[in-house]
Protein backbone atom coordinates (compact mmCIF):
# COMPACT_ATOMS: atom_id res chain seq x y z
CA VAL A 1 -29.13 -0.11 10.29
CA CYS A 2 -32.70 -1.60 9.61
CA ASN A 3 -31.12 -4.78 10.99
CA GLY A 4 -29.86 -3.88 14.25
CA LEU A 5 -30.61 -3.53 18.06
CA LEU A 6 -28.69 -1.05 20.47
CA LEU A 7 -28.76 -3.23 23.38
CA ARG A 8 -27.43 -3.31 26.70
CA ALA A 9 -24.66 -6.58 27.13
CA ASP A 10 -26.62 -8.85 29.07
CA LEU A 11 -29.79 -7.87 27.25
CA HIS A 12 -28.05 -8.82 24.25
CA THR A 13 -27.41 -12.35 25.09
CA LEU A 14 -30.71 -12.74 26.22
CA PHE A 15 -31.97 -11.62 22.86
CA ASP A 16 -29.21 -14.11 21.04
CA LEU A 17 -30.50 -17.00 23.38
CA GLY A 18 -34.37 -16.60 22.11
CA LEU A 19 -35.23 -15.65 25.79
CA ILE A 20 -36.28 -11.88 24.91
CA ALA A 21 -37.89 -10.84 21.41
CA VAL A 22 -39.42 -7.61 20.22
CA HIS A 23 -42.70 -7.78 19.18
CA GLU A 24 -42.27 -6.46 15.13
CA LYS A 25 -45.84 -4.83 15.11
CA ARG A 26 -46.54 -3.24 18.92
CA CYS A 27 -42.28 -2.51 19.30
CA THR A 28 -42.63 -3.50 22.60
CA VAL A 29 -40.39 -6.60 25.01
CA ILE A 30 -41.46 -10.34 25.15
CA VAL A 31 -39.99 -11.95 27.64
CA LYS A 32 -39.80 -15.91 27.64
CA ALA A 33 -41.97 -17.73 30.79
CA SER A 34 -38.76 -19.00 32.04
CA LEU A 35 -37.17 -15.05 33.06
CA ARG A 36 -40.73 -14.40 34.69
CA GLY A 37 -39.44 -14.86 38.27
CA SER A 38 -36.26 -12.68 37.26
CA SER A 39 -35.40 -8.98 37.36
CA TYR A 40 -36.07 -8.99 33.71
CA ALA A 41 -39.92 -9.78 33.84
CA LYS A 42 -40.30 -6.26 34.42
CA LEU A 43 -38.97 -5.62 30.41
CA ALA A 44 -42.32 -7.78 29.76
CA GLY A 45 -44.64 -5.42 27.33
CA LYS A 46 -42.22 -2.83 27.36
CA ARG A 47 -42.15 -0.59 24.38
CA ILE A 48 -39.02 0.34 23.04
CA ARG A 49 -37.59 3.27 22.13
CA LEU A 50 -37.41 3.94 18.03
CA PRO A 51 -34.89 6.24 15.90
CA ARG A 52 -36.74 9.36 15.11
CA ALA A 53 -36.18 8.50 11.82
CA VAL A 54 -38.54 5.94 10.20
CA SER A 55 -35.77 4.59 7.58
CA GLN A 56 -34.06 4.01 10.43
CA PHE A 57 -36.20 1.95 12.28
CA PRO A 58 -35.74 -1.86 12.90
CA ASN A 59 -36.78 -4.31 10.34
CA ALA A 60 -40.30 -5.95 11.22
CA GLN A 61 -39.28 -9.07 9.40
CA ALA A 62 -36.06 -9.56 11.17
CA LEU A 63 -37.88 -9.26 15.04
CA ARG A 64 -40.95 -11.63 13.47
CA ARG A 65 -37.88 -14.04 12.26
CA HIS A 66 -36.63 -13.74 15.71
CA ARG A 67 -39.74 -14.02 17.74
CA GLN A 68 -40.73 -16.84 15.73
CA GLY A 69 -37.41 -19.05 16.16
CA ALA A 70 -37.18 -18.03 19.68
CA ARG A 71 -40.72 -19.60 20.02
CA LEU A 72 -41.99 -16.35 22.15
């Protein structure tokens, strides 16, 4: 569970393509500049909803590696 995010299909695709990411410390959405004029721009800076149990939080290292790989 610690290396998973529940995303709707379109957001999952954007995440896989490196067009969006989640900041590992602030737990906020980062949107690539190429999406800033799209309907996805409103997600920038939004905080993700975390599980109640800390043990089920997304893995911070995995989120950081993804964000760095996406160059966001």
